[in-house]
Amino acid sequence: MEKKVSKKKNNGKLKVTYVKSAIGYDKRQAKILEALGFKKLNTTRVFPNNECIKGSLFKVRHLVKVEEID
């Protein structure tokens, strides 16, 4: 018997604000923020709500504020 795996689609977007400096933390976290496009504190970016973005945000969750928007 086959298992049916249903993937939950994550609709919507994530509004992410860079609120705390990465100075003093692991350098990989600063590189993740740079890859996400953050250059200065208190900047906000909007990303699609998908697993790839959520994985990156999980690594820097103590440096950013995340809100879900429609």
C-alpha atoms as a PDB file:
ATOM      1  CA  MET A   1       0.000   0.000   0.000  1.00  0.00           C
ATOM      2  CA  GLU A   2       1.362   3.388  -0.975  1.00  0.00           C
ATOM      3  CA  LYS A   3       1.634   6.231   1.461  1.00  0.00           C
ATOM      4  CA  LYS A   4       0.345   9.504   0.231  1.00  0.00           C
ATOM      5  CA  VAL A   5       2.470  12.349   1.420  1.00  0.00           C
ATOM      6  CA  SER A   6       0.729  15.653   1.298  1.00  0.00           C
ATOM      7  CA  LYS A   7       2.968  18.657   1.337  1.00  0.00           C
ATOM      8  CA  LYS A   8       1.481  21.624   3.059  1.00  0.00           C
ATOM      9  CA  LYS A   9       1.745  24.670   0.864  1.00  0.00           C
ATOM     10  CA  ASN A  10       2.916  27.746   2.679  1.00  0.00           C
ATOM     11  CA  ASN A  11       1.054  30.621   1.138  1.00  0.00           C
ATOM     12  CA  GLY A  12       1.723  34.204   1.944  1.00  0.00           C
ATOM     13  CA  LYS A  13       4.859  36.119   2.715  1.00  0.00           C
ATOM     14  CA  LEU A  14       7.163  36.776   5.630  1.00  0.00           C
ATOM     15  CA  LYS A  15       8.057  40.305   6.694  1.00  0.00           C
ATOM     16  CA  VAL A  16      11.510  40.120   8.285  1.00  0.00           C
ATOM     17  CA  THR A  17      13.168  42.984  10.184  1.00  0.00           C
ATOM     18  CA  TYR A  18      16.861  42.920  11.121  1.00  0.00           C
ATOM     19  CA  VAL A  19      16.810  44.135  14.741  1.00  0.00           C
ATOM     20  CA  LYS A  20      20.043  43.009  16.435  1.00  0.00           C
ATOM     21  CA  SER A  21      23.650  43.200  15.264  1.00  0.00           C
ATOM     22  CA  ALA A  22      25.532  40.023  14.377  1.00  0.00           C
ATOM     23  CA  ILE A  23      28.721  41.340  15.975  1.00  0.00           C
ATOM     24  CA  GLY A  24      29.881  38.878  18.603  1.00  0.00           C
ATOM     25  CA  TYR A  25      28.039  35.947  17.065  1.00  0.00           C
ATOM     26  CA  ASP A  26      29.281  33.233  14.751  1.00  0.00           C
ATOM     27  CA  LYS A  27      30.494  34.590  11.388  1.00  0.00           C
ATOM     28  CA  ARG A  28      28.194  32.163   9.566  1.00  0.00           C
ATOM     29  CA  GLN A  29      25.199  34.036  10.979  1.00  0.00           C
ATOM     30  CA  ALA A  30      26.499  37.313   9.544  1.00  0.00           C
ATOM     31  CA  LYS A  31      26.889  35.603   6.169  1.00  0.00           C
ATOM     32  CA  ILE A  32      23.295  34.325   6.331  1.00  0.00           C
ATOM     33  CA  LEU A  33      22.060  37.863   6.971  1.00  0.00           C
ATOM     34  CA  GLU A  34      24.162  39.125   4.075  1.00  0.00           C
ATOM     35  CA  ALA A  35      22.767  36.402   1.806  1.00  0.00           C
ATOM     36  CA  LEU A  36      19.236  37.415   2.796  1.00  0.00           C
ATOM     37  CA  GLY A  37      20.057  40.967   1.684  1.00  0.00           C
ATOM     38  CA  PHE A  38      20.351  42.763   5.016  1.00  0.00           C
ATOM     39  CA  LYS A  39      23.006  45.483   5.181  1.00  0.00           C
ATOM     40  CA  LYS A  40      21.891  47.776   8.003  1.00  0.00           C
ATOM     41  CA  LEU A  41      20.006  47.386  11.254  1.00  0.00           C
ATOM     42  CA  ASN A  42      16.258  48.045  11.321  1.00  0.00           C
ATOM     43  CA  THR A  43      15.788  47.260   7.634  1.00  0.00           C
ATOM     44  CA  THR A  44      12.804  45.207   6.526  1.00  0.00           C
ATOM     45  CA  ARG A  45      12.524  42.740   3.663  1.00  0.00           C
ATOM     46  CA  VAL A  46       9.648  40.620   2.427  1.00  0.00           C
ATOM     47  CA  PHE A  47      10.291  36.983   1.516  1.00  0.00           C
ATOM     48  CA  PRO A  48       8.061  34.175   0.240  1.00  0.00           C
ATOM     49  CA  ASN A  49       6.947  31.802   2.966  1.00  0.00           C
ATOM     50  CA  ASN A  50       8.848  28.644   2.007  1.00  0.00           C
ATOM     51  CA  GLU A  51      11.066  26.073   3.699  1.00  0.00           C
ATOM     52  CA  CYS A  52      14.333  27.448   2.321  1.00  0.00           C
ATOM     53  CA  ILE A  53      13.776  30.929   3.727  1.00  0.00           C
ATOM     54  CA  LYS A  54      12.428  29.584   7.014  1.00  0.00           C
ATOM     55  CA  GLY A  55      15.545  27.439   7.439  1.00  0.00           C
ATOM     56  CA  SER A  56      17.803  30.459   7.016  1.00  0.00           C
ATOM     57  CA  LEU A  57      15.691  32.527   9.380  1.00  0.00           C
ATOM     58  CA  PHE A  58      15.782  29.766  11.981  1.00  0.00           C
ATOM     59  CA  LYS A  59      19.580  30.091  12.139  1.00  0.00           C
ATOM     60  CA  VAL A  60      19.372  33.834  12.888  1.00  0.00           C
ATOM     61  CA  ARG A  61      16.071  33.902  14.781  1.00  0.00           C
ATOM     62  CA  HIS A  62      17.659  35.805  17.694  1.00  0.00           C
ATOM     63  CA  LEU A  63      18.741  38.638  15.357  1.00  0.00           C
ATOM     64  CA  VAL A  64      15.543  39.192  13.366  1.00  0.00           C
ATOM     65  CA  LYS A  65      11.840  39.755  13.934  1.00  0.00           C
ATOM     66  CA  VAL A  66       9.519  37.758  11.667  1.00  0.00           C
ATOM     67  CA  GLU A  67       5.862  38.513  10.907  1.00  0.00           C
ATOM     68  CA  GLU A  68       3.587  36.601   8.576  1.00  0.00           C
ATOM     69  CA  ILE A  69       1.627  38.695   6.089  1.00  0.00           C
ATOM     70  CA  ASP A  70      -0.885  37.744   3.398  1.00  0.00           C
END
